Amino acid sequence: MPDRIFGEILRLIEQAEEAAAATPDATSLLAHVIRLTVRADADPYLILGVLVEGVAHTLATRIPDERRGEIGGEVSKLLVERLKAHGIG
């Protein structure tokens, strides 16, 4: 009897691991959608506006009040670094 229960538990664990592996995490999914959107010849000005709004919304809703200024500054620095890496600025 214990062997049967242990086997069932192992099967449940395997099913959970398979389900987790089959479900992409939200961050990877967002990056993928952004790449697809850019590739699909969407209006680049609108894409940039949506991305900037996404940054502002994330800062305003997900970052604690006491860290927003610091993180906002770091995001600005990161943007400048990434632009330079692409030969812009």
PDB file of N, CA and C in Angstrom:
ATOM      1  N   MET A   1       0.807  -1.207   0.000  1.00  0.00           N
ATOM      2  CA  MET A   1       0.000   0.000   0.000  1.00  0.00           C
ATOM      3  C   MET A   1       0.850   1.271   0.000  1.00  0.00           C
ATOM      4  N   PRO A   2       1.863   1.384   0.866  1.00  0.00           N
ATOM      5  CA  PRO A   2       2.702   2.591   0.834  1.00  0.00           C
ATOM      6  C   PRO A   2       3.394   2.788  -0.522  1.00  0.00           C
ATOM      7  N   ASP A   3       3.780   1.669  -1.172  1.00  0.00           N
ATOM      8  CA  ASP A   3       4.420   1.789  -2.481  1.00  0.00           C
ATOM      9  C   ASP A   3       3.470   2.393  -3.506  1.00  0.00           C
ATOM     10  N   ARG A   4       2.198   2.007  -3.447  1.00  0.00           N
ATOM     11  CA  ARG A   4       1.204   2.525  -4.382  1.00  0.00           C
ATOM     12  C   ARG A   4       0.998   4.033  -4.147  1.00  0.00           C
ATOM     13  N   ILE A   5       0.888   4.434  -2.890  1.00  0.00           N
ATOM     14  CA  ILE A   5       0.693   5.853  -2.562  1.00  0.00           C
ATOM     15  C   ILE A   5       1.912   6.658  -2.996  1.00  0.00           C
ATOM     16  N   PHE A   6       3.108   6.112  -2.724  1.00  0.00           N
ATOM     17  CA  PHE A   6       4.339   6.796  -3.124  1.00  0.00           C
ATOM     18  C   PHE A   6       4.385   6.959  -4.643  1.00  0.00           C
ATOM     19  N   GLY A   7       3.998   5.915  -5.367  1.00  0.00           N
ATOM     20  CA  GLY A   7       3.964   5.980  -6.832  1.00  0.00           C
ATOM     21  C   GLY A   7       2.991   7.037  -7.323  1.00  0.00           C
ATOM     22  N   GLU A   8       1.828   7.143  -6.681  1.00  0.00           N
ATOM     23  CA  GLU A   8       0.843   8.153  -7.064  1.00  0.00           C
ATOM     24  C   GLU A   8       1.371   9.560  -6.794  1.00  0.00           C
ATOM     25  N   ILE A   9       2.054   9.710  -5.682  1.00  0.00           N
ATOM     26  CA  ILE A   9       2.649  11.021  -5.360  1.00  0.00           C
ATOM     27  C   ILE A   9       3.702  11.388  -6.403  1.00  0.00           C
ATOM     28  N   LEU A  10       4.535  10.436  -6.795  1.00  0.00           N
ATOM     29  CA  LEU A  10       5.541  10.704  -7.822  1.00  0.00           C
ATOM     30  C   LEU A  10       4.893  11.102  -9.141  1.00  0.00           C
ATOM     31  N   ARG A  11       3.800  10.432  -9.512  1.00  0.00           N
ATOM     32  CA  ARG A  11       3.086  10.786 -10.745  1.00  0.00           C
ATOM     33  C   ARG A  11       2.518  12.203 -10.656  1.00  0.00           C
ATOM     34  N   LEU A  12       1.975  12.566  -9.511  1.00  0.00           N
ATOM     35  CA  LEU A  12       1.456  13.923  -9.334  1.00  0.00           C
ATOM     36  C   LEU A  12       2.567  14.969  -9.453  1.00  0.00           C
ATOM     37  N   ILE A  13       3.706  14.659  -8.883  1.00  0.00           N
ATOM     38  CA  ILE A  13       4.855  15.575  -8.975  1.00  0.00           C
ATOM     39  C   ILE A  13       5.275  15.725 -10.431  1.00  0.00           C
ATOM     40  N   GLU A  14       5.352  14.628 -11.154  1.00  0.00           N
ATOM     41  CA  GLU A  14       5.727  14.678 -12.573  1.00  0.00           C
ATOM     42  C   GLU A  14       4.732  15.504 -13.378  1.00  0.00           C
ATOM     43  N   GLN A  15       3.437  15.324 -13.103  1.00  0.00           N
ATOM     44  CA  GLN A  15       2.408  16.090 -13.811  1.00  0.00           C
ATOM     45  C   GLN A  15       2.543  17.586 -13.507  1.00  0.00           C
ATOM     46  N   ALA A  16       2.820  17.914 -12.273  1.00  0.00           N
ATOM     47  CA  ALA A  16       2.986  19.323 -11.898  1.00  0.00           C
ATOM     48  C   ALA A  16       4.207  19.923 -12.582  1.00  0.00           C
ATOM     49  N   GLU A  17       5.293  19.170 -12.630  1.00  0.00           N
ATOM     50  CA  GLU A  17       6.505  19.654 -13.291  1.00  0.00           C
ATOM     51  C   GLU A  17       6.283  19.834 -14.793  1.00  0.00           C
ATOM     52  N   GLU A  18       5.557  18.913 -15.414  1.00  0.00           N
ATOM     53  CA  GLU A  18       5.252  19.031 -16.842  1.00  0.00           C
ATOM     54  C   GLU A  18       4.384  20.259 -17.114  1.00  0.00           C
ATOM     55  N   ALA A  19       3.399  20.493 -16.262  1.00  0.00           N
ATOM     56  CA  ALA A  19       2.523  21.651 -16.433  1.00  0.00           C
ATOM     57  C   ALA A  19       3.310  22.947 -16.273  1.00  0.00           C
ATOM     58  N   ALA A  20       4.200  22.984 -15.300  1.00  0.00           N
ATOM     59  CA  ALA A  20       5.008  24.185 -15.074  1.00  0.00           C
ATOM     60  C   ALA A  20       5.950  24.437 -16.246  1.00  0.00           C
ATOM     61  N   ALA A  21       6.518  23.385 -16.790  1.00  0.00           N
ATOM     62  CA  ALA A  21       7.438  23.532 -17.927  1.00  0.00           C
ATOM     63  C   ALA A  21       6.705  23.973 -19.181  1.00  0.00           C
ATOM     64  N   ALA A  22       5.449  23.581 -19.309  1.00  0.00           N
ATOM     65  CA  ALA A  22       4.673  23.920 -20.504  1.00  0.00           C
ATOM     66  C   ALA A  22       4.109  25.334 -20.447  1.00  0.00           C
ATOM     67  N   THR A  23       4.127  25.972 -19.288  1.00  0.00           N
ATOM     68  CA  THR A  23       3.578  27.310 -19.120  1.00  0.00           C
ATOM     69  C   THR A  23       4.722  28.316 -19.051  1.00  0.00           C
ATOM     70  N   PRO A  24       4.830  29.199 -20.063  1.00  0.00           N
ATOM     71  CA  PRO A  24       5.914  30.180 -20.019  1.00  0.00           C
ATOM     72  C   PRO A  24       5.674  31.198 -18.913  1.00  0.00           C
ATOM     73  N   ASP A  25       6.757  31.699 -18.342  1.00  0.00           N
ATOM     74  CA  ASP A  25       6.588  32.722 -17.319  1.00  0.00           C
ATOM     75  C   ASP A  25       6.213  34.051 -17.987  1.00  0.00           C
ATOM     76  N   ALA A  26       5.588  34.922 -17.242  1.00  0.00           N
ATOM     77  CA  ALA A  26       5.045  36.171 -17.785  1.00  0.00           C
ATOM     78  C   ALA A  26       6.132  37.049 -18.407  1.00  0.00           C
ATOM     79  N   THR A  27       7.311  37.080 -17.828  1.00  0.00           N
ATOM     80  CA  THR A  27       8.388  37.918 -18.349  1.00  0.00           C
ATOM     81  C   THR A  27       8.852  37.425 -19.718  1.00  0.00           C
ATOM     82  N   SER A  28       9.042  36.124 -19.852  1.00  0.00           N
ATOM     83  CA  SER A  28       9.442  35.566 -21.145  1.00  0.00           C
ATOM     84  C   SER A  28       8.365  35.782 -22.190  1.00  0.00           C
ATOM     85  N   LEU A  29       7.124  35.624 -21.776  1.00  0.00           N
ATOM     86  CA  LEU A  29       6.001  35.828 -22.687  1.00  0.00           C
ATOM     87  C   LEU A  29       5.947  37.271 -23.168  1.00  0.00           C
ATOM     88  N   LEU A  30       6.133  38.227 -22.275  1.00  0.00           N
ATOM     89  CA  LEU A  30       6.144  39.642 -22.652  1.00  0.00           C
ATOM     90  C   LEU A  30       7.266  39.937 -23.640  1.00  0.00           C
ATOM     91  N   ALA A  31       8.464  39.450 -23.374  1.00  0.00           N
ATOM     92  CA  ALA A  31       9.591  39.665 -24.291  1.00  0.00           C
ATOM     93  C   ALA A  31       9.291  39.082 -25.667  1.00  0.00           C
ATOM     94  N   HIS A  32       8.683  37.917 -25.685  1.00  0.00           N
ATOM     95  CA  HIS A  32       8.329  37.274 -26.954  1.00  0.00           C
ATOM     96  C   HIS A  32       7.297  38.101 -27.717  1.00  0.00           C
ATOM     97  N   VAL A  33       6.277  38.579 -27.025  1.00  0.00           N
ATOM     98  CA  VAL A  33       5.238  39.391 -27.672  1.00  0.00           C
ATOM     99  C   VAL A  33       5.835  40.690 -28.213  1.00  0.00           C
ATOM    100  N   ILE A  34       6.746  41.297 -27.483  1.00  0.00           N
ATOM    101  CA  ILE A  34       7.393  42.521 -27.968  1.00  0.00           C
ATOM    102  C   ILE A  34       8.155  42.235 -29.257  1.00  0.00           C
ATOM    103  N   ARG A  35       8.927  41.154 -29.284  1.00  0.00           N
ATOM    104  CA  ARG A  35       9.673  40.809 -30.500  1.00  0.00           C
ATOM    105  C   ARG A  35       8.731  40.560 -31.671  1.00  0.00           C
ATOM    106  N   LEU A  36       7.642  39.843 -31.427  1.00  0.00           N
ATOM    107  CA  LEU A  36       6.665  39.578 -32.492  1.00  0.00           C
ATOM    108  C   LEU A  36       6.023  40.871 -32.991  1.00  0.00           C
ATOM    109  N   THR A  37       5.710  41.768 -32.086  1.00  0.00           N
ATOM    110  CA  THR A  37       5.072  43.036 -32.447  1.00  0.00           C
ATOM    111  C   THR A  37       6.001  43.878 -33.307  1.00  0.00           C
ATOM    112  N   VAL A  38       7.254  43.960 -32.933  1.00  0.00           N
ATOM    113  CA  VAL A  38       8.227  44.733 -33.719  1.00  0.00           C
ATOM    114  C   VAL A  38       8.417  44.094 -35.087  1.00  0.00           C
ATOM    115  N   ARG A  39       8.510  42.788 -35.125  1.00  0.00           N
ATOM    116  CA  ARG A  39       8.692  42.059 -36.368  1.00  0.00           C
ATOM    117  C   ARG A  39       7.490  42.205 -37.308  1.00  0.00           C
ATOM    118  N   ALA A  40       6.297  42.417 -36.743  1.00  0.00           N
ATOM    119  CA  ALA A  40       5.067  42.486 -37.529  1.00  0.00           C
ATOM    120  C   ALA A  40       4.866  43.863 -38.168  1.00  0.00           C
ATOM    121  N   ASP A  41       5.861  44.700 -38.138  1.00  0.00           N
ATOM    122  CA  ASP A  41       5.791  46.038 -38.731  1.00  0.00           C
ATOM    123  C   ASP A  41       4.736  46.928 -38.099  1.00  0.00           C
ATOM    124  N   ALA A  42       4.487  46.768 -36.806  1.00  0.00           N
ATOM    125  CA  ALA A  42       3.596  47.678 -36.098  1.00  0.00           C
ATOM    126  C   ALA A  42       4.251  49.059 -36.061  1.00  0.00           C
ATOM    127  N   ASP A  43       3.457  50.075 -35.901  1.00  0.00           N
ATOM    128  CA  ASP A  43       3.962  51.457 -35.859  1.00  0.00           C
ATOM    129  C   ASP A  43       5.001  51.586 -34.745  1.00  0.00           C
ATOM    130  N   PRO A  44       6.260  51.882 -35.089  1.00  0.00           N
ATOM    131  CA  PRO A  44       7.314  51.918 -34.069  1.00  0.00           C
ATOM    132  C   PRO A  44       7.105  53.020 -33.036  1.00  0.00           C
ATOM    133  N   TYR A  45       6.469  54.113 -33.424  1.00  0.00           N
ATOM    134  CA  TYR A  45       6.221  55.193 -32.475  1.00  0.00           C
ATOM    135  C   TYR A  45       5.191  54.764 -31.428  1.00  0.00           C
ATOM    136  N   LEU A  46       4.179  54.042 -31.872  1.00  0.00           N
ATOM    137  CA  LEU A  46       3.188  53.525 -30.927  1.00  0.00           C
ATOM    138  C   LEU A  46       3.799  52.475 -30.010  1.00  0.00           C
ATOM    139  N   ILE A  47       4.652  51.617 -30.571  1.00  0.00           N
ATOM    140  CA  ILE A  47       5.323  50.599 -29.750  1.00  0.00           C
ATOM    141  C   ILE A  47       6.124  51.272 -28.644  1.00  0.00           C
ATOM    142  N   LEU A  48       6.908  52.302 -29.015  1.00  0.00           N
ATOM    143  CA  LEU A  48       7.709  53.002 -28.002  1.00  0.00           C
ATOM    144  C   LEU A  48       6.818  53.634 -26.939  1.00  0.00           C
ATOM    145  N   GLY A  49       5.708  54.229 -27.345  1.00  0.00           N
ATOM    146  CA  GLY A  49       4.791  54.832 -26.388  1.00  0.00           C
ATOM    147  C   GLY A  49       4.213  53.806 -25.425  1.00  0.00           C
ATOM    148  N   VAL A  50       3.837  52.661 -25.957  1.00  0.00           N
ATOM    149  CA  VAL A  50       3.281  51.599 -25.111  1.00  0.00           C
ATOM    150  C   VAL A  50       4.338  51.090 -24.135  1.00  0.00           C
ATOM    151  N   LEU A  51       5.562  50.926 -24.606  1.00  0.00           N
ATOM    152  CA  LEU A  51       6.630  50.444 -23.727  1.00  0.00           C
ATOM    153  C   LEU A  51       6.931  51.444 -22.617  1.00  0.00           C
ATOM    154  N   VAL A  52       6.979  52.731 -22.959  1.00  0.00           N
ATOM    155  CA  VAL A  52       7.224  53.764 -21.942  1.00  0.00           C
ATOM    156  C   VAL A  52       6.084  53.773 -20.925  1.00  0.00           C
ATOM    157  N   GLU A  53       4.846  53.677 -21.409  1.00  0.00           N
ATOM    158  CA  GLU A  53       3.707  53.627 -20.488  1.00  0.00           C
ATOM    159  C   GLU A  53       3.791  52.382 -19.605  1.00  0.00           C
ATOM    160  N   GLY A  54       4.255  51.270 -20.167  1.00  0.00           N
ATOM    161  CA  GLY A  54       4.425  50.056 -19.373  1.00  0.00           C
ATOM    162  C   GLY A  54       5.437  50.245 -18.252  1.00  0.00           C
ATOM    163  N   VAL A  55       6.521  50.945 -18.548  1.00  0.00           N
ATOM    164  CA  VAL A  55       7.534  51.233 -17.522  1.00  0.00           C
ATOM    165  C   VAL A  55       6.931  52.111 -16.433  1.00  0.00           C
ATOM    166  N   ALA A  56       6.243  53.179 -16.843  1.00  0.00           N
ATOM    167  CA  ALA A  56       5.650  54.098 -15.865  1.00  0.00           C
ATOM    168  C   ALA A  56       4.598  53.383 -15.010  1.00  0.00           C
ATOM    169  N   HIS A  57       3.773  52.578 -15.656  1.00  0.00           N
ATOM    170  CA  HIS A  57       2.726  51.853 -14.926  1.00  0.00           C
ATOM    171  C   HIS A  57       3.336  50.860 -13.938  1.00  0.00           C
ATOM    172  N   THR A  58       4.369  50.152 -14.370  1.00  0.00           N
ATOM    173  CA  THR A  58       5.032  49.183 -13.490  1.00  0.00           C
ATOM    174  C   THR A  58       5.647  49.888 -12.286  1.00  0.00           C
ATOM    175  N   LEU A  59       6.329  51.007 -12.534  1.00  0.00           N
ATOM    176  CA  LEU A  59       6.914  51.769 -11.428  1.00  0.00           C
ATOM    177  C   LEU A  59       5.833  52.241 -10.459  1.00  0.00           C
ATOM    178  N   ALA A  60       4.730  52.741 -11.008  1.00  0.00           N
ATOM    179  CA  ALA A  60       3.677  53.313 -10.165  1.00  0.00           C
ATOM    180  C   ALA A  60       2.884  52.268  -9.388  1.00  0.00           C
ATOM    181  N   THR A  61       2.778  51.068  -9.931  1.00  0.00           N
ATOM    182  CA  THR A  61       1.899  50.083  -9.300  1.00  0.00           C
ATOM    183  C   THR A  61       2.605  48.917  -8.625  1.00  0.00           C
ATOM    184  N   ARG A  62       3.859  48.651  -9.005  1.00  0.00           N
ATOM    185  CA  ARG A  62       4.512  47.455  -8.475  1.00  0.00           C
ATOM    186  C   ARG A  62       5.747  47.729  -7.628  1.00  0.00           C
ATOM    187  N   ILE A  63       6.271  48.939  -7.737  1.00  0.00           N
ATOM    188  CA  ILE A  63       7.478  49.285  -6.978  1.00  0.00           C
ATOM    189  C   ILE A  63       7.046  50.061  -5.729  1.00  0.00           C
ATOM    190  N   PRO A  64       7.571  49.711  -4.569  1.00  0.00           N
ATOM    191  CA  PRO A  64       7.195  50.423  -3.342  1.00  0.00           C
ATOM    192  C   PRO A  64       7.509  51.926  -3.442  1.00  0.00           C
ATOM    193  N   ASP A  65       6.654  52.740  -2.819  1.00  0.00           N
ATOM    194  CA  ASP A  65       6.805  54.202  -2.866  1.00  0.00           C
ATOM    195  C   ASP A  65       8.226  54.660  -2.576  1.00  0.00           C
ATOM    196  N   GLU A  66       8.817  54.093  -1.543  1.00  0.00           N
ATOM    197  CA  GLU A  66      10.137  54.554  -1.109  1.00  0.00           C
ATOM    198  C   GLU A  66      11.256  54.202  -2.096  1.00  0.00           C
ATOM    199  N   ARG A  67      10.984  53.346  -3.079  1.00  0.00           N
ATOM    200  CA  ARG A  67      12.028  52.949  -4.034  1.00  0.00           C
ATOM    201  C   ARG A  67      11.783  53.492  -5.431  1.00  0.00           C
ATOM    202  N   ARG A  68      10.626  54.105  -5.679  1.00  0.00           N
ATOM    203  CA  ARG A  68      10.266  54.535  -7.033  1.00  0.00           C
ATOM    204  C   ARG A  68      11.270  55.496  -7.643  1.00  0.00           C
ATOM    205  N   GLY A  69      11.702  56.503  -6.881  1.00  0.00           N
ATOM    206  CA  GLY A  69      12.667  57.465  -7.414  1.00  0.00           C
ATOM    207  C   GLY A  69      13.969  56.793  -7.808  1.00  0.00           C
ATOM    208  N   GLU A  70      14.479  55.967  -6.925  1.00  0.00           N
ATOM    209  CA  GLU A  70      15.738  55.249  -7.182  1.00  0.00           C
ATOM    210  C   GLU A  70      15.603  54.335  -8.398  1.00  0.00           C
ATOM    211  N   ILE A  71      14.549  53.546  -8.431  1.00  0.00           N
ATOM    212  CA  ILE A  71      14.371  52.589  -9.517  1.00  0.00           C
ATOM    213  C   ILE A  71      14.096  53.320 -10.828  1.00  0.00           C
ATOM    214  N   GLY A  72      13.324  54.416 -10.780  1.00  0.00           N
ATOM    215  CA  GLY A  72      13.090  55.222 -11.980  1.00  0.00           C
ATOM    216  C   GLY A  72      14.398  55.734 -12.563  1.00  0.00           C
ATOM    217  N   GLY A  73      15.300  56.192 -11.687  1.00  0.00           N
ATOM    218  CA  GLY A  73      16.616  56.647 -12.141  1.00  0.00           C
ATOM    219  C   GLY A  73      17.432  55.519 -12.742  1.00  0.00           C
ATOM    220  N   GLU A  74      17.358  54.346 -12.127  1.00  0.00           N
ATOM    221  CA  GLU A  74      18.097  53.190 -12.650  1.00  0.00           C
ATOM    222  C   GLU A  74      17.552  52.748 -14.007  1.00  0.00           C
ATOM    223  N   VAL A  75      16.232  52.836 -14.168  1.00  0.00           N
ATOM    224  CA  VAL A  75      15.632  52.486 -15.456  1.00  0.00           C
ATOM    225  C   VAL A  75      16.113  53.459 -16.528  1.00  0.00           C
ATOM    226  N   SER A  76      16.190  54.737 -16.180  1.00  0.00           N
ATOM    227  CA  SER A  76      16.687  55.744 -17.131  1.00  0.00           C
ATOM    228  C   SER A  76      18.126  55.441 -17.540  1.00  0.00           C
ATOM    229  N   LYS A  77      18.962  55.104 -16.561  1.00  0.00           N
ATOM    230  CA  LYS A  77      20.358  54.754 -16.857  1.00  0.00           C
ATOM    231  C   LYS A  77      20.432  53.522 -17.745  1.00  0.00           C
ATOM    232  N   LEU A  78      19.615  52.530 -17.436  1.00  0.00           N
ATOM    233  CA  LEU A  78      19.608  51.298 -18.226  1.00  0.00           C
ATOM    234  C   LEU A  78      19.203  51.591 -19.668  1.00  0.00           C
ATOM    235  N   LEU A  79      18.206  52.447 -19.860  1.00  0.00           N
ATOM    236  CA  LEU A  79      17.793  52.807 -21.216  1.00  0.00           C
ATOM    237  C   LEU A  79      18.940  53.468 -21.971  1.00  0.00           C
ATOM    238  N   VAL A  80      19.623  54.406 -21.329  1.00  0.00           N
ATOM    239  CA  VAL A  80      20.760  55.079 -21.981  1.00  0.00           C
ATOM    240  C   VAL A  80      21.838  54.059 -22.341  1.00  0.00           C
ATOM    241  N   GLU A  81      22.136  53.145 -21.436  1.00  0.00           N
ATOM    242  CA  GLU A  81      23.142  52.112 -21.709  1.00  0.00           C
ATOM    243  C   GLU A  81      22.743  51.247 -22.904  1.00  0.00           C
ATOM    244  N   ARG A  82      21.480  50.823 -22.947  1.00  0.00           N
ATOM    245  CA  ARG A  82      21.014  49.967 -24.036  1.00  0.00           C
ATOM    246  C   ARG A  82      21.016  50.710 -25.365  1.00  0.00           C
ATOM    247  N   LEU A  83      20.646  51.999 -25.349  1.00  0.00           N
ATOM    248  CA  LEU A  83      20.697  52.793 -26.573  1.00  0.00           C
ATOM    249  C   LEU A  83      22.137  52.889 -27.091  1.00  0.00           C
ATOM    250  N   LYS A  84      23.070  53.164 -26.182  1.00  0.00           N
ATOM    251  CA  LYS A  84      24.485  53.241 -26.572  1.00  0.00           C
ATOM    252  C   LYS A  84      24.970  51.904 -27.135  1.00  0.00           C
ATOM    253  N   ALA A  85      24.529  50.811 -26.530  1.00  0.00           N
ATOM    254  CA  ALA A  85      24.931  49.491 -27.011  1.00  0.00           C
ATOM    255  C   ALA A  85      24.440  49.245 -28.436  1.00  0.00           C
ATOM    256  N   HIS A  86      23.365  49.931 -28.818  1.00  0.00           N
ATOM    257  CA  HIS A  86      22.823  49.807 -30.172  1.00  0.00           C
ATOM    258  C   HIS A  86      23.299  50.953 -31.084  1.00  0.00           C
ATOM    259  N   GLY A  87      24.300  51.706 -30.593  1.00  0.00           N
ATOM    260  CA  GLY A  87      24.877  52.776 -31.402  1.00  0.00           C
ATOM    261  C   GLY A  87      24.035  54.036 -31.488  1.00  0.00           C
ATOM    262  N   ILE A  88      23.162  54.239 -30.508  1.00  0.00           N
ATOM    263  CA  ILE A  88      22.295  55.417 -30.485  1.00  0.00           C
ATOM    264  C   ILE A  88      22.705  56.295 -29.298  1.00  0.00           C
ATOM    265  N   GLY A  89      23.045  57.530 -29.585  1.00  0.00           N
ATOM    266  CA  GLY A  89      23.376  58.464 -28.492  1.00  0.00           C
ATOM    267  C   GLY A  89      24.798  58.487 -28.194  1.00  0.00           C
TER     268      GLY A  89
END
